[in-house]
Structures are given as structure tokens and as C-alpha cells.
Amino acid sequence: MRSRRGILTAITITALAIGAVLIGRTLWQRDRAASSGNIVLVERGNIQATVDVLGRIEPIRQLALSTRVSGTVRRIHSKEGATVY
């Protein structure tokens, strides 16, 4: 009885190992096929895009600014291109 039990245990362990290898291989090949694109080196830098079109640029909202006192603007506390609310 012990020899039969030992043989069944060995067969079961072998079948589980073969199944694990087949499942792992299938998953590895699927991941490999999904990532088969081009590999490029990424570098940090500025992206510059130039658009050459004819047309008219209009603001979304237009404001007329006026002050109660006259003077000179010494400093503006926002950077160029920043959104100001």
C-alpha cells in the first residue's frame, strides 16, 4: 500500500510541476507579445511644437483695467504663461 501511495504522490507532484511550468510559460509569452514595441532611450528636455496657421486669436474673456491712482508697475508676481485667477 505504501508503494502505491508513494507512486501516486510522485505522479501528482510531477503533474502539478508540469502544469505550473506550462501556465508560467503561457503567461510569460503573453507578456512578451504585449510589450514587443520599439524600445527607446528617454531623455529629459523641452518639447517644442510650431504651428503655422492663418487666423485670428481672440481671448476667452476681455477686461478693461484701470486704477484709482497713477504709478509705475515695479513687479508682477506671476510668470509668463501662468494662469491667473
C-alpha atoms as a PDB file:
ATOM      1  CA  MET A   1       0.000   0.000   0.000  1.00  0.00           C
ATOM      2  CA  ARG A   2       2.825   2.370   0.793  1.00  0.00           C
ATOM      3  CA  SER A   3       4.472   1.892  -2.578  1.00  0.00           C
ATOM      4  CA  ARG A   4       1.204   2.709  -4.366  1.00  0.00           C
ATOM      5  CA  ARG A   5       0.739   5.807  -2.244  1.00  0.00           C
ATOM      6  CA  GLY A   6       4.320   6.881  -2.976  1.00  0.00           C
ATOM      7  CA  ILE A   7       3.836   6.385  -6.711  1.00  0.00           C
ATOM      8  CA  LEU A   8       0.567   8.367  -6.679  1.00  0.00           C
ATOM      9  CA  THR A   9       2.239  11.167  -4.725  1.00  0.00           C
ATOM     10  CA  ALA A  10       5.129  11.322  -7.189  1.00  0.00           C
ATOM     11  CA  ILE A  11       2.753  11.369 -10.165  1.00  0.00           C
ATOM     12  CA  THR A  12       0.659  14.119  -8.563  1.00  0.00           C
ATOM     13  CA  ILE A  13       3.707  16.268  -7.770  1.00  0.00           C
ATOM     14  CA  THR A  14       5.074  15.755 -11.298  1.00  0.00           C
ATOM     15  CA  ALA A  15       1.721  16.678 -12.874  1.00  0.00           C
ATOM     16  CA  LEU A  16       1.481  19.846 -10.726  1.00  0.00           C
ATOM     17  CA  ALA A  17       5.035  20.847 -11.646  1.00  0.00           C
ATOM     18  CA  ILE A  18       4.383  20.333 -15.366  1.00  0.00           C
ATOM     19  CA  GLY A  19       1.137  22.323 -15.085  1.00  0.00           C
ATOM     20  CA  ALA A  20       2.911  25.185 -13.289  1.00  0.00           C
ATOM     21  CA  VAL A  21       5.633  25.292 -15.942  1.00  0.00           C
ATOM     22  CA  LEU A  22       3.080  25.353 -18.779  1.00  0.00           C
ATOM     23  CA  ILE A  23       0.997  28.084 -17.138  1.00  0.00           C
ATOM     24  CA  GLY A  24       4.112  30.163 -16.399  1.00  0.00           C
ATOM     25  CA  ARG A  25       5.364  29.785 -19.950  1.00  0.00           C
ATOM     26  CA  THR A  26       1.984  30.828 -21.378  1.00  0.00           C
ATOM     27  CA  LEU A  27       1.828  33.935 -19.166  1.00  0.00           C
ATOM     28  CA  TRP A  28       5.443  34.852 -19.964  1.00  0.00           C
ATOM     29  CA  GLN A  29       4.831  34.593 -23.713  1.00  0.00           C
ATOM     30  CA  ARG A  30       1.646  36.695 -23.429  1.00  0.00           C
ATOM     31  CA  ASP A  31       3.502  39.465 -21.567  1.00  0.00           C
ATOM     32  CA  ARG A  32       6.349  39.304 -24.055  1.00  0.00           C
ATOM     33  CA  ALA A  33       3.966  39.618 -27.037  1.00  0.00           C
ATOM     34  CA  ALA A  34       2.177  42.575 -25.442  1.00  0.00           C
ATOM     35  CA  SER A  35       5.420  44.512 -24.995  1.00  0.00           C
ATOM     36  CA  SER A  36       7.004  43.841 -28.378  1.00  0.00           C
ATOM     37  CA  GLY A  37       7.095  47.565 -29.326  1.00  0.00           C
ATOM     38  CA  ASN A  38      10.177  49.628 -30.022  1.00  0.00           C
ATOM     39  CA  ILE A  39      12.448  50.374 -27.090  1.00  0.00           C
ATOM     40  CA  VAL A  40      13.908  53.871 -26.989  1.00  0.00           C
ATOM     41  CA  LEU A  41      16.029  55.845 -24.549  1.00  0.00           C
ATOM     42  CA  VAL A  42      14.061  58.572 -22.774  1.00  0.00           C
ATOM     43  CA  GLU A  43      15.775  61.872 -22.104  1.00  0.00           C
ATOM     44  CA  ARG A  44      14.606  64.871 -20.116  1.00  0.00           C
ATOM     45  CA  GLY A  45      14.215  68.072 -22.117  1.00  0.00           C
ATOM     46  CA  ASN A  46      11.891  70.644 -23.623  1.00  0.00           C
ATOM     47  CA  ILE A  47       9.279  69.777 -26.186  1.00  0.00           C
ATOM     48  CA  GLN A  48       8.867  72.394 -28.869  1.00  0.00           C
ATOM     49  CA  ALA A  49       5.962  72.436 -31.276  1.00  0.00           C
ATOM     50  CA  THR A  50       5.495  75.005 -34.012  1.00  0.00           C
ATOM     51  CA  VAL A  51       2.114  75.695 -35.559  1.00  0.00           C
ATOM     52  CA  ASP A  52       1.850  77.688 -38.764  1.00  0.00           C
ATOM     53  CA  VAL A  53      -1.735  78.712 -39.479  1.00  0.00           C
ATOM     54  CA  LEU A  54      -3.667  81.718 -40.635  1.00  0.00           C
ATOM     55  CA  GLY A  55      -6.440  83.042 -38.455  1.00  0.00           C
ATOM     56  CA  ARG A  56      -7.387  85.243 -35.598  1.00  0.00           C
ATOM     57  CA  ILE A  57      -6.641  84.757 -31.918  1.00  0.00           C
ATOM     58  CA  GLU A  58      -9.282  86.042 -29.543  1.00  0.00           C
ATOM     59  CA  PRO A  59      -9.259  85.982 -25.750  1.00  0.00           C
ATOM     60  CA  ILE A  60     -11.866  83.962 -23.871  1.00  0.00           C
ATOM     61  CA  ARG A  61     -12.617  86.961 -21.677  1.00  0.00           C
ATOM     62  CA  GLN A  62     -11.568  90.578 -22.064  1.00  0.00           C
ATOM     63  CA  LEU A  63     -11.170  93.039 -19.198  1.00  0.00           C
ATOM     64  CA  ALA A  64     -10.557  96.772 -19.051  1.00  0.00           C
ATOM     65  CA  LEU A  65      -8.204  97.515 -16.172  1.00  0.00           C
ATOM     66  CA  SER A  66      -7.994 100.906 -14.545  1.00  0.00           C
ATOM     67  CA  THR A  67      -6.635 102.136 -11.248  1.00  0.00           C
ATOM     68  CA  ARG A  68      -7.621 104.992  -8.975  1.00  0.00           C
ATOM     69  CA  VAL A  69      -4.027 106.130  -8.623  1.00  0.00           C
ATOM     70  CA  SER A  70      -1.290 106.589 -11.177  1.00  0.00           C
ATOM     71  CA  GLY A  71       2.111 104.987 -10.843  1.00  0.00           C
ATOM     72  CA  THR A  72       4.629 102.543 -12.238  1.00  0.00           C
ATOM     73  CA  VAL A  73       4.331  98.768 -12.039  1.00  0.00           C
ATOM     74  CA  ARG A  74       7.555  97.583 -10.435  1.00  0.00           C
ATOM     75  CA  ARG A  75       6.929  93.895 -10.181  1.00  0.00           C
ATOM     76  CA  ILE A  76       4.420  91.328 -11.427  1.00  0.00           C
ATOM     77  CA  HIS A  77       4.044  88.292  -9.151  1.00  0.00           C
ATOM     78  CA  SER A  78       3.271  85.751 -11.844  1.00  0.00           C
ATOM     79  CA  LYS A  79       5.326  84.123 -14.523  1.00  0.00           C
ATOM     80  CA  GLU A  80       4.780  84.431 -18.247  1.00  0.00           C
ATOM     81  CA  GLY A  81       2.172  81.975 -19.465  1.00  0.00           C
ATOM     82  CA  ALA A  82       0.806  81.282 -15.971  1.00  0.00           C
ATOM     83  CA  THR A  83      -2.951  81.151 -15.393  1.00  0.00           C
ATOM     84  CA  VAL A  84      -4.056  83.962 -13.107  1.00  0.00           C
ATOM     85  CA  TYR A  85      -7.434  83.873 -11.358  1.00  0.00           C
END
